[in-house]
Amino acid sequence: MTTKTKAPREALLLEIAAKHFHLETLETRNSDSLDFHDVSVWSIRAALEAAFAAGQVAAR
């Protein structure tokens, strides 16, 4: 994967994480309170569905 294709993918992942988990970053911050989160199963499902849909769109 080139840097050119990696940036949009990273932006999309952050967009999904921000929407479904209210995260500001996907970077490791070396702090348990910042790096570990309690999330509901329905939030995980919604995020996975969003990622799957994005993959389908990208494959077209």
PDB file of N, CA and C in Angstrom:
ATOM      1  N   MET A   1       0.858  -1.176   0.000  1.00  0.00           N
ATOM      2  CA  MET A   1       0.000   0.000   0.000  1.00  0.00           C
ATOM      3  C   MET A   1       0.902   1.237   0.000  1.00  0.00           C
ATOM      4  N   THR A   2       0.629   2.138  -0.899  1.00  0.00           N
ATOM      5  CA  THR A   2       1.440   3.343  -1.000  1.00  0.00           C
ATOM      6  C   THR A   2       0.945   4.389  -0.009  1.00  0.00           C
ATOM      7  N   THR A   3       1.792   5.373   0.215  1.00  0.00           N
ATOM      8  CA  THR A   3       1.405   6.471   1.114  1.00  0.00           C
ATOM      9  C   THR A   3       0.184   7.192   0.569  1.00  0.00           C
ATOM     10  N   LYS A   4       0.095   7.274  -0.768  1.00  0.00           N
ATOM     11  CA  LYS A   4      -1.045   7.950  -1.403  1.00  0.00           C
ATOM     12  C   LYS A   4      -2.364   7.253  -1.090  1.00  0.00           C
ATOM     13  N   THR A   5      -2.367   5.929  -1.055  1.00  0.00           N
ATOM     14  CA  THR A   5      -3.602   5.204  -0.754  1.00  0.00           C
ATOM     15  C   THR A   5      -3.808   5.010   0.735  1.00  0.00           C
ATOM     16  N   LYS A   6      -2.735   5.098   1.510  1.00  0.00           N
ATOM     17  CA  LYS A   6      -2.844   4.897   2.960  1.00  0.00           C
ATOM     18  C   LYS A   6      -3.561   6.063   3.645  1.00  0.00           C
ATOM     19  N   ALA A   7      -3.315   7.282   3.222  1.00  0.00           N
ATOM     20  CA  ALA A   7      -3.905   8.456   3.869  1.00  0.00           C
ATOM     21  C   ALA A   7      -5.433   8.444   3.818  1.00  0.00           C
ATOM     22  N   PRO A   8      -6.046   8.202   2.658  1.00  0.00           N
ATOM     23  CA  PRO A   8      -7.519   8.155   2.645  1.00  0.00           C
ATOM     24  C   PRO A   8      -8.078   7.023   3.501  1.00  0.00           C
ATOM     25  N   ARG A   9      -7.386   5.880   3.512  1.00  0.00           N
ATOM     26  CA  ARG A   9      -7.837   4.750   4.329  1.00  0.00           C
ATOM     27  C   ARG A   9      -7.781   5.118   5.806  1.00  0.00           C
ATOM     28  N   GLU A  10      -6.688   5.726   6.234  1.00  0.00           N
ATOM     29  CA  GLU A  10      -6.555   6.136   7.633  1.00  0.00           C
ATOM     30  C   GLU A  10      -7.619   7.167   8.005  1.00  0.00           C
ATOM     31  N   ALA A  11      -7.887   8.087   7.104  1.00  0.00           N
ATOM     32  CA  ALA A  11      -8.921   9.100   7.356  1.00  0.00           C
ATOM     33  C   ALA A  11     -10.293   8.452   7.502  1.00  0.00           C
ATOM     34  N   LEU A  12     -10.574   7.466   6.663  1.00  0.00           N
ATOM     35  CA  LEU A  12     -11.857   6.764   6.742  1.00  0.00           C
ATOM     36  C   LEU A  12     -11.975   5.982   8.049  1.00  0.00           C
ATOM     37  N   LEU A  13     -10.907   5.303   8.444  1.00  0.00           N
ATOM     38  CA  LEU A  13     -10.926   4.570   9.712  1.00  0.00           C
ATOM     39  C   LEU A  13     -11.164   5.512  10.891  1.00  0.00           C
ATOM     40  N   LEU A  14     -10.490   6.655  10.886  1.00  0.00           N
ATOM     41  CA  LEU A  14     -10.688   7.627  11.963  1.00  0.00           C
ATOM     42  C   LEU A  14     -12.107   8.178  11.946  1.00  0.00           C
ATOM     43  N   GLU A  15     -12.646   8.404  10.766  1.00  0.00           N
ATOM     44  CA  GLU A  15     -14.028   8.888  10.658  1.00  0.00           C
ATOM     45  C   GLU A  15     -15.008   7.886  11.273  1.00  0.00           C
ATOM     46  N   ILE A  16     -14.823   6.612  10.974  1.00  0.00           N
ATOM     47  CA  ILE A  16     -15.686   5.564  11.541  1.00  0.00           C
ATOM     48  C   ILE A  16     -15.512   5.498  13.051  1.00  0.00           C
ATOM     49  N   ALA A  17     -14.263   5.524  13.519  1.00  0.00           N
ATOM     50  CA  ALA A  17     -14.002   5.465  14.962  1.00  0.00           C
ATOM     51  C   ALA A  17     -14.576   6.676  15.688  1.00  0.00           C
ATOM     52  N   ALA A  18     -14.452   7.835  15.094  1.00  0.00           N
ATOM     53  CA  ALA A  18     -14.976   9.050  15.719  1.00  0.00           C
ATOM     54  C   ALA A  18     -16.503   8.998  15.805  1.00  0.00           C
ATOM     55  N   LYS A  19     -17.125   8.545  14.725  1.00  0.00           N
ATOM     56  CA  LYS A  19     -18.589   8.496  14.696  1.00  0.00           C
ATOM     57  C   LYS A  19     -19.155   7.473  15.681  1.00  0.00           C
ATOM     58  N   HIS A  20     -18.562   6.290  15.719  1.00  0.00           N
ATOM     59  CA  HIS A  20     -19.142   5.200  16.496  1.00  0.00           C
ATOM     60  C   HIS A  20     -18.597   5.084  17.924  1.00  0.00           C
ATOM     61  N   PHE A  21     -17.371   5.580  18.141  1.00  0.00           N
ATOM     62  CA  PHE A  21     -16.757   5.422  19.461  1.00  0.00           C
ATOM     63  C   PHE A  21     -16.348   6.749  20.086  1.00  0.00           C
ATOM     64  N   HIS A  22     -16.602   7.857  19.395  1.00  0.00           N
ATOM     65  CA  HIS A  22     -16.268   9.199  19.891  1.00  0.00           C
ATOM     66  C   HIS A  22     -14.778   9.321  20.210  1.00  0.00           C
ATOM     67  N   LEU A  23     -13.936   8.760  19.344  1.00  0.00           N
ATOM     68  CA  LEU A  23     -12.490   8.825  19.520  1.00  0.00           C
ATOM     69  C   LEU A  23     -11.924  10.010  18.755  1.00  0.00           C
ATOM     70  N   GLU A  24     -10.883  10.622  19.311  1.00  0.00           N
ATOM     71  CA  GLU A  24     -10.217  11.748  18.663  1.00  0.00           C
ATOM     72  C   GLU A  24      -9.079  11.289  17.770  1.00  0.00           C
ATOM     73  N   THR A  25      -8.484  10.144  18.089  1.00  0.00           N
ATOM     74  CA  THR A  25      -7.343   9.638  17.344  1.00  0.00           C
ATOM     75  C   THR A  25      -7.304   8.118  17.447  1.00  0.00           C
ATOM     76  N   LEU A  26      -6.620   7.508  16.508  1.00  0.00           N
ATOM     77  CA  LEU A  26      -6.371   6.066  16.566  1.00  0.00           C
ATOM     78  C   LEU A  26      -4.900   5.798  16.880  1.00  0.00           C
ATOM     79  N   GLU A  27      -4.179   6.835  17.255  1.00  0.00           N
ATOM     80  CA  GLU A  27      -2.776   6.699  17.621  1.00  0.00           C
ATOM     81  C   GLU A  27      -2.657   6.221  19.066  1.00  0.00           C
ATOM     82  N   THR A  28      -1.651   5.407  19.325  1.00  0.00           N
ATOM     83  CA  THR A  28      -1.366   4.971  20.694  1.00  0.00           C
ATOM     84  C   THR A  28      -0.838   6.160  21.478  1.00  0.00           C
ATOM     85  N   ARG A  29      -1.384   6.371  22.675  1.00  0.00           N
ATOM     86  CA  ARG A  29      -0.960   7.503  23.499  1.00  0.00           C
ATOM     87  C   ARG A  29      -0.301   7.054  24.797  1.00  0.00           C
ATOM     88  N   ASN A  30      -0.115   5.751  24.941  1.00  0.00           N
ATOM     89  CA  ASN A  30       0.582   5.193  26.101  1.00  0.00           C
ATOM     90  C   ASN A  30      -0.035   5.595  27.438  1.00  0.00           C
ATOM     91  N   SER A  31      -1.345   5.599  27.466  1.00  0.00           N
ATOM     92  CA  SER A  31      -2.093   5.889  28.682  1.00  0.00           C
ATOM     93  C   SER A  31      -3.338   5.020  28.661  1.00  0.00           C
ATOM     94  N   ASP A  32      -3.513   4.212  29.687  1.00  0.00           N
ATOM     95  CA  ASP A  32      -4.674   3.318  29.721  1.00  0.00           C
ATOM     96  C   ASP A  32      -5.979   4.069  29.540  1.00  0.00           C
ATOM     97  N   SER A  33      -6.108   5.217  30.186  1.00  0.00           N
ATOM     98  CA  SER A  33      -7.373   5.947  30.096  1.00  0.00           C
ATOM     99  C   SER A  33      -7.621   6.520  28.698  1.00  0.00           C
ATOM    100  N   LEU A  34      -6.564   6.684  27.909  1.00  0.00           N
ATOM    101  CA  LEU A  34      -6.720   7.197  26.551  1.00  0.00           C
ATOM    102  C   LEU A  34      -6.737   6.089  25.501  1.00  0.00           C
ATOM    103  N   ASP A  35      -6.098   4.974  25.796  1.00  0.00           N
ATOM    104  CA  ASP A  35      -5.946   3.903  24.805  1.00  0.00           C
ATOM    105  C   ASP A  35      -6.964   2.776  24.930  1.00  0.00           C
ATOM    106  N   PHE A  36      -7.647   2.658  26.049  1.00  0.00           N
ATOM    107  CA  PHE A  36      -8.626   1.589  26.247  1.00  0.00           C
ATOM    108  C   PHE A  36      -9.990   2.210  26.530  1.00  0.00           C
ATOM    109  N   HIS A  37     -11.018   1.664  25.873  1.00  0.00           N
ATOM    110  CA  HIS A  37     -12.360   2.229  25.981  1.00  0.00           C
ATOM    111  C   HIS A  37     -13.382   1.117  26.151  1.00  0.00           C
ATOM    112  N   ASP A  38     -14.396   1.367  26.949  1.00  0.00           N
ATOM    113  CA  ASP A  38     -15.543   0.463  27.051  1.00  0.00           C
ATOM    114  C   ASP A  38     -16.515   0.852  25.944  1.00  0.00           C
ATOM    115  N   VAL A  39     -16.867  -0.117  25.124  1.00  0.00           N
ATOM    116  CA  VAL A  39     -17.811   0.166  24.041  1.00  0.00           C
ATOM    117  C   VAL A  39     -18.894  -0.895  24.020  1.00  0.00           C
ATOM    118  N   SER A  40     -20.053  -0.494  23.571  1.00  0.00           N
ATOM    119  CA  SER A  40     -21.172  -1.427  23.505  1.00  0.00           C
ATOM    120  C   SER A  40     -21.039  -2.320  22.270  1.00  0.00           C
ATOM    121  N   VAL A  41     -21.664  -3.476  22.353  1.00  0.00           N
ATOM    122  CA  VAL A  41     -21.614  -4.391  21.213  1.00  0.00           C
ATOM    123  C   VAL A  41     -22.336  -3.792  20.008  1.00  0.00           C
ATOM    124  N   TRP A  42     -23.388  -3.011  20.226  1.00  0.00           N
ATOM    125  CA  TRP A  42     -24.090  -2.411  19.102  1.00  0.00           C
ATOM    126  C   TRP A  42     -23.241  -1.332  18.435  1.00  0.00           C
ATOM    127  N   SER A  43     -22.362  -0.665  19.193  1.00  0.00           N
ATOM    128  CA  SER A  43     -21.433   0.291  18.588  1.00  0.00           C
ATOM    129  C   SER A  43     -20.392  -0.430  17.743  1.00  0.00           C
ATOM    130  N   ILE A  44     -19.915  -1.557  18.241  1.00  0.00           N
ATOM    131  CA  ILE A  44     -18.951  -2.348  17.478  1.00  0.00           C
ATOM    132  C   ILE A  44     -19.599  -2.839  16.192  1.00  0.00           C
ATOM    133  N   ARG A  45     -20.814  -3.340  16.300  1.00  0.00           N
ATOM    134  CA  ARG A  45     -21.521  -3.830  15.116  1.00  0.00           C
ATOM    135  C   ARG A  45     -21.705  -2.715  14.094  1.00  0.00           C
ATOM    136  N   ALA A  46     -22.123  -1.543  14.539  1.00  0.00           N
ATOM    137  CA  ALA A  46     -22.340  -0.417  13.632  1.00  0.00           C
ATOM    138  C   ALA A  46     -21.038   0.003  12.951  1.00  0.00           C
ATOM    139  N   ALA A  47     -19.953   0.014  13.697  1.00  0.00           N
ATOM    140  CA  ALA A  47     -18.658   0.375  13.119  1.00  0.00           C
ATOM    141  C   ALA A  47     -18.211  -0.666  12.096  1.00  0.00           C
ATOM    142  N   LEU A  48     -18.405  -1.938  12.401  1.00  0.00           N
ATOM    143  CA  LEU A  48     -18.047  -2.993  11.454  1.00  0.00           C
ATOM    144  C   LEU A  48     -18.899  -2.917  10.194  1.00  0.00           C
ATOM    145  N   GLU A  49     -20.176  -2.616  10.353  1.00  0.00           N
ATOM    146  CA  GLU A  49     -21.050  -2.470   9.189  1.00  0.00           C
ATOM    147  C   GLU A  49     -20.615  -1.283   8.334  1.00  0.00           C
ATOM    148  N   ALA A  50     -20.216  -0.191   8.973  1.00  0.00           N
ATOM    149  CA  ALA A  50     -19.736   0.978   8.238  1.00  0.00           C
ATOM    150  C   ALA A  50     -18.446   0.657   7.487  1.00  0.00           C
ATOM    151  N   ALA A  51     -17.549  -0.070   8.123  1.00  0.00           N
ATOM    152  CA  ALA A  51     -16.295  -0.457   7.474  1.00  0.00           C
ATOM    153  C   ALA A  51     -16.567  -1.404   6.309  1.00  0.00           C
ATOM    154  N   PHE A  52     -17.468  -2.328   6.487  1.00  0.00           N
ATOM    155  CA  PHE A  52     -17.826  -3.267   5.415  1.00  0.00           C
ATOM    156  C   PHE A  52     -18.422  -2.520   4.228  1.00  0.00           C
ATOM    157  N   ALA A  53     -19.338  -1.594   4.505  1.00  0.00           N
ATOM    158  CA  ALA A  53     -19.954  -0.806   3.434  1.00  0.00           C
ATOM    159  C   ALA A  53     -18.908   0.036   2.698  1.00  0.00           C
ATOM    160  N   ALA A  54     -17.968   0.602   3.447  1.00  0.00           N
ATOM    161  CA  ALA A  54     -16.902   1.377   2.813  1.00  0.00           C
ATOM    162  C   ALA A  54     -16.044   0.491   1.921  1.00  0.00           C
ATOM    163  N   GLY A  55     -15.803  -0.732   2.339  1.00  0.00           N
ATOM    164  CA  GLY A  55     -15.042  -1.671   1.526  1.00  0.00           C
ATOM    165  C   GLY A  55     -15.776  -2.027   0.245  1.00  0.00           C
ATOM    166  N   GLN A  56     -17.078  -2.176   0.340  1.00  0.00           N
ATOM    167  CA  GLN A  56     -17.871  -2.486  -0.854  1.00  0.00           C
ATOM    168  C   GLN A  56     -17.831  -1.314  -1.846  1.00  0.00           C
ATOM    169  N   VAL A  57     -17.924  -0.107  -1.327  1.00  0.00           N
ATOM    170  CA  VAL A  57     -17.874   1.071  -2.185  1.00  0.00           C
ATOM    171  C   VAL A  57     -16.492   1.169  -2.844  1.00  0.00           C
ATOM    172  N   ALA A  58     -15.451   0.929  -2.092  1.00  0.00           N
ATOM    173  CA  ALA A  58     -14.091   1.025  -2.620  1.00  0.00           C
ATOM    174  C   ALA A  58     -13.822  -0.040  -3.688  1.00  0.00           C
ATOM    175  N   ALA A  59     -14.482  -1.173  -3.576  1.00  0.00           N
ATOM    176  CA  ALA A  59     -14.258  -2.265  -4.534  1.00  0.00           C
ATOM    177  C   ALA A  59     -14.946  -1.997  -5.884  1.00  0.00           C
ATOM    178  N   ARG A  60     -15.874  -1.079  -5.902  1.00  0.00           N
ATOM    179  CA  ARG A  60     -16.616  -0.790  -7.153  1.00  0.00           C
ATOM    180  C   ARG A  60     -15.806   0.060  -8.082  1.00  0.00           C
TER     181      ARG A  60
END
